[in-house]
Amino acid sequence: MEIYLDILLNSFTDYGNYLWSEITQPAWDNYFYWLVGLSLLVFGLEIWLPWRKDQKIFRKDFWLDLFYLFFNFFLFSLIGYNALSNVGVQLFNDLLHYVGLENVVAFEVRSWPAWSQLLLMFIVADFIQWNIHRLLHRVQWLWEFHKVHHSVKEMGFAAQFRFHFMETIIYKTLQYVPLAMIGFGIQQFFVVHMLGVFIGHLNHANLNWDYGPFKYILNNPKMHLWHHARELPENHKYGMNYGLSLSVWDYLFGTAHVPYHDPNLELGFAGDEDFPEDLGGQMTRPFKSK
């Protein structure tokens, strides 16, 4: 038990030092400044090429979403998620050793070139996320948490990170074993992660893009706007366009829905009239829902 307590306590110090290093020591593999840089880039594109030209630059809830961006990317881990996840990983590894296993690797790719490992991880991780995203819409208690993300009324790049902290726990927990079963040899998945952030920023941005024929592969602002539509079609009562980075899963499995392009599509969800608009209310609301 002592080892888990040490991991828990040391994780706070370790992550605090890591975050301070990220802020004070800019580098090419620095998450903090890449997040800032990509956010400024997409924000600049929104200002230069806005789809909804009457939408204010500092749209409704801009500052709230900006706080969510930094909270869900960094501060949540500082508060405790990093510590709990480190303990969880140790518990999982100890369980494997208890049953006589060293790991759960079922598909070894360490000998592959780095680019192919990264590509495989990008595709596999996105498919897993697509399935988890569907669950967030179809399982009622999960939907209560996901409502926070769908409370967005005006789309902008930072809306990507308006989500309840429980979503991080849900995504990471359900992703862990499937990804652990692939024996990736690369230690740094920085490129894959930041590519996902960049695509997610663009998907939520006020931009009139769909990438032409590549829209059937890559998720895009026009397609993702329909994911946030308040009114759902009868044949998609749980939602549609679940893809995070890739749209191909939706086209393959029949959950794609882009009937036309309307920059002023009403966003939200049925019954959102009394949904909290403040951070505290949005964080506590799911736990109060019956």
Protein backbone atom coordinates (compact mmCIF):
# COMPACT_ATOMS: atom_id res chain seq x y z
CA MET A 1 0.00 0.00 0.00
CA GLU A 2 2.91 2.30 0.78
CA ILE A 3 4.14 2.20 -2.83
CA TYR A 4 0.78 3.50 -4.08
CA LEU A 5 0.75 6.30 -1.55
CA ASP A 6 4.28 7.30 -2.60
CA ILE A 7 3.24 7.32 -6.27
CA LEU A 8 0.17 9.40 -5.42
CA LEU A 9 2.11 12.02 -3.44
CA ASN A 10 5.11 12.16 -5.76
CA SER A 11 2.85 12.61 -8.78
CA PHE A 12 1.70 16.02 -7.55
CA THR A 13 5.28 17.25 -7.22
CA ASP A 14 6.38 15.63 -10.48
CA TYR A 15 3.52 17.10 -12.49
CA GLY A 16 3.89 20.50 -10.83
CA ASN A 17 7.58 20.54 -11.80
CA TYR A 18 6.70 19.36 -15.32
CA LEU A 19 4.11 22.10 -15.78
CA TRP A 20 6.47 24.77 -14.46
CA SER A 21 9.16 23.48 -16.83
CA GLU A 22 6.69 23.61 -19.75
CA ILE A 23 5.96 27.27 -19.03
CA THR A 24 9.48 28.45 -18.24
CA GLN A 25 11.51 26.39 -20.73
CA PRO A 26 10.09 26.61 -24.28
CA ALA A 27 11.15 23.72 -26.52
CA TRP A 28 10.05 22.04 -29.75
CA ASP A 29 8.26 19.28 -27.82
CA ASN A 30 6.63 21.70 -25.37
CA TYR A 31 2.88 21.03 -25.05
CA PHE A 32 2.09 24.35 -23.44
CA TYR A 33 3.47 26.58 -26.18
CA TRP A 34 2.28 24.35 -28.99
CA LEU A 35 -1.22 24.62 -27.49
CA VAL A 36 -0.90 28.39 -27.31
CA GLY A 37 0.57 28.60 -30.83
CA LEU A 38 -2.05 26.39 -32.47
CA SER A 39 -4.83 28.23 -30.64
CA LEU A 40 -3.56 31.60 -31.85
CA LEU A 41 -3.19 30.24 -35.40
CA VAL A 42 -6.77 28.94 -35.60
CA PHE A 43 -8.11 32.01 -33.80
CA GLY A 44 -6.36 34.15 -36.42
CA LEU A 45 -7.99 32.10 -39.20
CA GLU A 46 -11.39 32.66 -37.58
CA ILE A 47 -10.80 36.42 -37.59
CA TRP A 48 -9.45 36.43 -41.16
CA LEU A 49 -11.92 33.99 -42.77
CA PRO A 50 -15.05 33.86 -40.59
CA TRP A 51 -17.95 31.71 -41.78
CA ARG A 52 -20.45 33.49 -39.52
CA LYS A 53 -19.46 37.05 -40.27
CA ASP A 54 -21.87 38.55 -37.75
CA GLN A 55 -20.45 36.46 -34.90
CA LYS A 56 -18.31 38.54 -32.56
CA ILE A 57 -14.59 37.82 -32.42
CA PHE A 58 -14.94 37.28 -28.69
CA ARG A 59 -18.07 35.18 -29.10
CA LYS A 60 -20.48 34.07 -26.40
CA ASP A 61 -18.60 32.17 -23.66
CA PHE A 62 -15.23 32.78 -25.34
CA TRP A 63 -13.46 33.34 -22.01
CA LEU A 64 -15.21 30.40 -20.35
CA ASP A 65 -14.07 28.09 -23.15
CA LEU A 66 -10.55 29.50 -22.98
CA PHE A 67 -10.41 28.59 -19.29
CA TYR A 68 -11.73 25.10 -20.11
CA LEU A 69 -8.95 24.77 -22.68
CA PHE A 70 -6.17 25.28 -20.13
CA PHE A 71 -8.03 23.52 -17.31
CA ASN A 72 -8.68 20.30 -19.24
CA PHE A 73 -5.26 20.33 -20.93
CA PHE A 74 -3.16 21.06 -17.84
CA LEU A 75 -4.81 22.11 -14.57
CA PHE A 76 -7.00 19.02 -14.13
CA SER A 77 -3.87 16.85 -14.11
CA LEU A 78 -2.27 19.19 -11.57
CA ILE A 79 -5.32 18.96 -9.30
CA GLY A 80 -5.24 15.19 -9.18
CA TYR A 81 -5.86 13.30 -12.41
CA ASN A 82 -2.17 12.66 -13.07
CA ALA A 83 -1.70 11.25 -9.58
CA LEU A 84 -4.73 8.97 -9.80
CA SER A 85 -3.82 7.76 -13.29
CA ASN A 86 -0.26 6.91 -12.18
CA VAL A 87 -1.66 4.87 -9.31
CA GLY A 88 -4.10 3.19 -11.70
CA VAL A 89 -1.29 2.22 -14.10
CA GLN A 90 0.74 0.75 -11.23
CA LEU A 91 -2.28 -1.21 -10.00
CA PHE A 92 -2.89 -2.53 -13.52
CA ASN A 93 0.75 -3.60 -13.92
CA ASP A 94 0.75 -5.24 -10.49
CA LEU A 95 -2.41 -7.15 -11.44
CA LEU A 96 -0.70 -8.40 -14.60
CA HIS A 97 2.30 -9.60 -12.59
CA TYR A 98 -0.05 -11.29 -10.11
CA VAL A 99 -1.58 -13.40 -12.89
CA GLY A 100 1.83 -14.09 -14.42
CA LEU A 101 1.88 -11.60 -17.29
CA GLU A 102 4.49 -8.96 -18.04
CA ASN A 103 2.22 -6.91 -20.31
CA VAL A 104 -0.86 -7.17 -22.51
CA VAL A 105 0.91 -6.55 -25.82
CA ALA A 106 -0.83 -8.60 -28.50
CA PHE A 107 0.47 -6.84 -31.61
CA GLU A 108 4.14 -5.91 -31.70
CA VAL A 109 5.12 -2.96 -33.93
CA ARG A 110 8.37 -1.83 -32.33
CA SER A 111 10.34 -2.82 -35.42
CA TRP A 112 8.19 -0.64 -37.67
CA PRO A 113 9.47 2.73 -38.89
CA ALA A 114 8.55 5.59 -36.55
CA TRP A 115 6.18 7.21 -39.07
CA SER A 116 4.17 4.01 -39.48
CA GLN A 117 3.86 3.54 -35.72
CA LEU A 118 2.59 7.09 -35.39
CA LEU A 119 0.13 6.65 -38.26
CA LEU A 120 -1.17 3.40 -36.78
CA MET A 121 -1.61 4.98 -33.37
CA PHE A 122 -3.42 7.96 -34.88
CA ILE A 123 -5.89 5.70 -36.71
CA VAL A 124 -6.43 3.20 -33.88
CA ALA A 125 -6.78 5.88 -31.20
CA ASP A 126 -9.25 7.83 -33.32
CA PHE A 127 -11.40 4.74 -33.93
CA ILE A 128 -11.48 4.00 -30.19
CA GLN A 129 -12.40 7.64 -29.50
CA TRP A 130 -15.16 7.49 -32.12
CA ASN A 131 -16.70 4.52 -30.30
CA ILE A 132 -16.38 6.19 -26.89
CA HIS A 133 -17.95 9.34 -28.30
CA ARG A 134 -20.94 7.28 -29.47
CA LEU A 135 -21.27 5.88 -25.95
CA LEU A 136 -21.31 9.41 -24.52
CA HIS A 137 -24.42 10.07 -26.62
CA ARG A 138 -26.19 6.74 -26.16
CA VAL A 139 -25.66 5.97 -22.45
CA GLN A 140 -27.77 8.34 -20.38
CA TRP A 141 -25.44 8.83 -17.41
CA LEU A 142 -22.53 9.47 -19.77
CA TRP A 143 -24.66 11.91 -21.76
CA GLU A 144 -25.20 13.96 -18.59
CA PHE A 145 -21.46 14.71 -18.57
CA HIS A 146 -21.27 15.21 -22.33
CA LYS A 147 -24.03 17.81 -22.20
CA VAL A 148 -21.40 20.29 -21.00
CA HIS A 149 -19.70 20.12 -24.39
CA HIS A 150 -23.01 20.41 -26.22
CA SER A 151 -24.01 23.49 -24.25
CA VAL A 152 -21.93 25.54 -26.72
CA LYS A 153 -24.17 28.07 -28.49
CA GLU A 154 -21.59 29.77 -30.71
CA MET A 155 -18.76 27.75 -32.17
CA GLY A 156 -15.13 28.75 -31.94
CA PHE A 157 -11.78 26.96 -31.67
CA ALA A 158 -11.72 26.84 -27.85
CA ALA A 159 -15.11 25.09 -27.73
CA GLN A 160 -13.17 21.87 -28.41
CA PHE A 161 -12.06 21.84 -24.78
CA ARG A 162 -15.37 22.74 -23.17
CA PHE A 163 -16.03 19.35 -21.66
CA HIS A 164 -16.58 17.94 -18.19
CA PHE A 165 -13.45 16.62 -16.45
CA MET A 166 -15.14 13.22 -16.15
CA GLU A 167 -14.80 12.84 -19.93
CA THR A 168 -11.02 12.74 -19.54
CA ILE A 169 -11.35 9.89 -17.05
CA ILE A 170 -13.82 8.03 -19.28
CA TYR A 171 -11.78 8.40 -22.47
CA LYS A 172 -8.42 7.56 -20.90
CA THR A 173 -9.77 4.57 -18.98
CA LEU A 174 -11.49 2.99 -21.98
CA GLN A 175 -8.53 3.73 -24.27
CA TYR A 176 -5.81 2.38 -22.00
CA VAL A 177 -6.04 -1.38 -22.53
CA PRO A 178 -6.69 -1.36 -26.32
CA LEU A 179 -3.71 0.93 -26.91
CA ALA A 180 -1.56 -0.99 -24.43
CA MET A 181 -2.21 -4.16 -26.45
CA ILE A 182 -0.27 -2.64 -29.36
CA GLY A 183 3.44 -2.69 -28.64
CA PHE A 184 4.39 0.78 -29.76
CA GLY A 185 8.13 1.39 -29.47
CA ILE A 186 7.90 5.18 -29.65
CA GLN A 187 8.07 6.96 -26.31
CA GLN A 188 6.90 10.34 -27.53
CA PHE A 189 3.52 10.61 -29.23
CA PHE A 190 3.75 14.38 -29.30
CA VAL A 191 3.07 14.70 -33.03
CA VAL A 192 -0.07 12.54 -32.93
CA HIS A 193 -1.44 14.35 -29.91
CA MET A 194 -0.88 17.86 -31.21
CA LEU A 195 -2.24 16.90 -34.64
CA GLY A 196 -5.44 15.82 -32.89
CA VAL A 197 -5.59 19.13 -31.02
CA PHE A 198 -5.08 21.07 -34.26
CA ILE A 199 -7.82 19.17 -36.14
CA GLY A 200 -10.14 19.53 -33.15
CA HIS A 201 -9.54 23.29 -33.04
CA LEU A 202 -10.37 23.56 -36.74
CA ASN A 203 -13.50 21.41 -36.38
CA HIS A 204 -14.93 23.79 -33.79
CA ALA A 205 -13.71 26.97 -35.46
CA ASN A 206 -15.82 29.57 -37.24
CA LEU A 207 -14.50 28.45 -40.64
CA ASN A 208 -16.24 27.57 -43.92
CA TRP A 209 -14.14 24.48 -44.68
CA ASP A 210 -14.79 20.85 -45.57
CA TYR A 211 -11.60 19.88 -47.51
CA GLY A 212 -13.43 18.88 -50.72
CA PRO A 213 -13.05 15.15 -51.50
CA PHE A 214 -10.98 14.69 -48.33
CA LYS A 215 -14.08 15.43 -46.25
CA TYR A 216 -14.84 11.70 -46.41
CA ILE A 217 -11.61 11.05 -44.49
CA LEU A 218 -11.05 14.10 -42.28
CA ASN A 219 -13.55 15.64 -39.93
CA ASN A 220 -14.10 19.32 -40.72
CA PRO A 221 -15.89 22.47 -39.48
CA LYS A 222 -18.91 22.08 -41.77
CA MET A 223 -19.47 18.47 -40.77
CA HIS A 224 -18.83 18.94 -37.08
CA LEU A 225 -21.26 21.84 -36.86
CA TRP A 226 -24.04 19.32 -37.51
CA HIS A 227 -22.79 17.25 -34.58
CA HIS A 228 -23.70 20.22 -32.37
CA ALA A 229 -27.12 20.78 -33.98
CA ARG A 230 -29.89 21.27 -31.44
CA GLU A 231 -32.53 19.50 -33.53
CA LEU A 232 -31.69 15.90 -34.39
CA PRO A 233 -33.15 14.02 -37.39
CA GLU A 234 -35.41 11.05 -36.65
CA ASN A 235 -32.90 8.55 -38.03
CA HIS A 236 -30.14 9.94 -35.77
CA LYS A 237 -31.93 10.37 -32.47
CA TYR A 238 -28.70 9.94 -30.48
CA GLY A 239 -26.66 12.26 -32.67
CA MET A 240 -24.37 11.97 -35.67
CA ASN A 241 -20.89 12.81 -36.96
CA TYR A 242 -19.06 11.35 -33.96
CA GLY A 243 -15.60 11.48 -35.53
CA LEU A 244 -12.92 13.41 -33.68
CA SER A 245 -10.13 13.70 -36.23
CA LEU A 246 -11.40 11.34 -38.91
CA SER A 247 -14.82 11.40 -40.57
CA VAL A 248 -14.32 8.07 -42.33
CA TRP A 249 -15.82 6.08 -39.41
CA ASP A 250 -19.11 7.96 -39.71
CA TYR A 251 -19.32 7.32 -43.44
CA LEU A 252 -18.41 3.65 -42.98
CA PHE A 253 -20.91 2.98 -40.18
CA GLY A 254 -23.80 5.16 -41.30
CA THR A 255 -23.60 7.93 -38.69
CA ALA A 256 -22.63 10.72 -41.11
CA HIS A 257 -25.19 13.48 -41.62
CA VAL A 258 -24.48 16.65 -43.58
CA PRO A 259 -27.69 17.42 -45.50
CA TYR A 260 -26.74 21.02 -46.32
CA HIS A 261 -24.50 23.80 -45.04
CA ASP A 262 -25.96 26.39 -42.69
CA PRO A 263 -23.51 28.59 -40.75
CA ASN A 264 -26.34 29.74 -38.48
CA LEU A 265 -27.51 26.26 -37.51
CA GLU A 266 -29.02 26.35 -34.00
CA LEU A 267 -26.69 24.64 -31.57
CA GLY A 268 -27.26 22.93 -28.23
CA PHE A 269 -29.55 20.11 -27.18
CA ALA A 270 -33.22 19.66 -26.42
CA GLY A 271 -34.07 21.04 -22.99
CA ASP A 272 -30.91 23.14 -22.66
CA GLU A 273 -32.84 26.28 -21.70
CA ASP A 274 -32.04 25.85 -18.01
CA PHE A 275 -28.55 24.41 -18.42
CA PRO A 276 -26.00 26.34 -16.32
CA GLU A 277 -23.86 28.91 -18.13
CA ASP A 278 -21.20 29.21 -15.42
CA LEU A 279 -18.24 26.92 -14.76
CA GLY A 280 -19.33 25.77 -11.32
CA GLY A 281 -22.85 25.00 -12.46
CA GLN A 282 -21.64 23.05 -15.47
CA MET A 283 -19.20 21.00 -13.36
CA THR A 284 -21.77 20.06 -10.71
CA ARG A 285 -24.90 19.67 -12.88
CA PRO A 286 -24.20 16.08 -14.07
CA PHE A 287 -23.89 14.84 -10.50
CA LYS A 288 -27.29 16.34 -9.66
CA SER A 289 -29.10 14.88 -12.67
CA LYS A 290 -31.36 11.92 -11.96
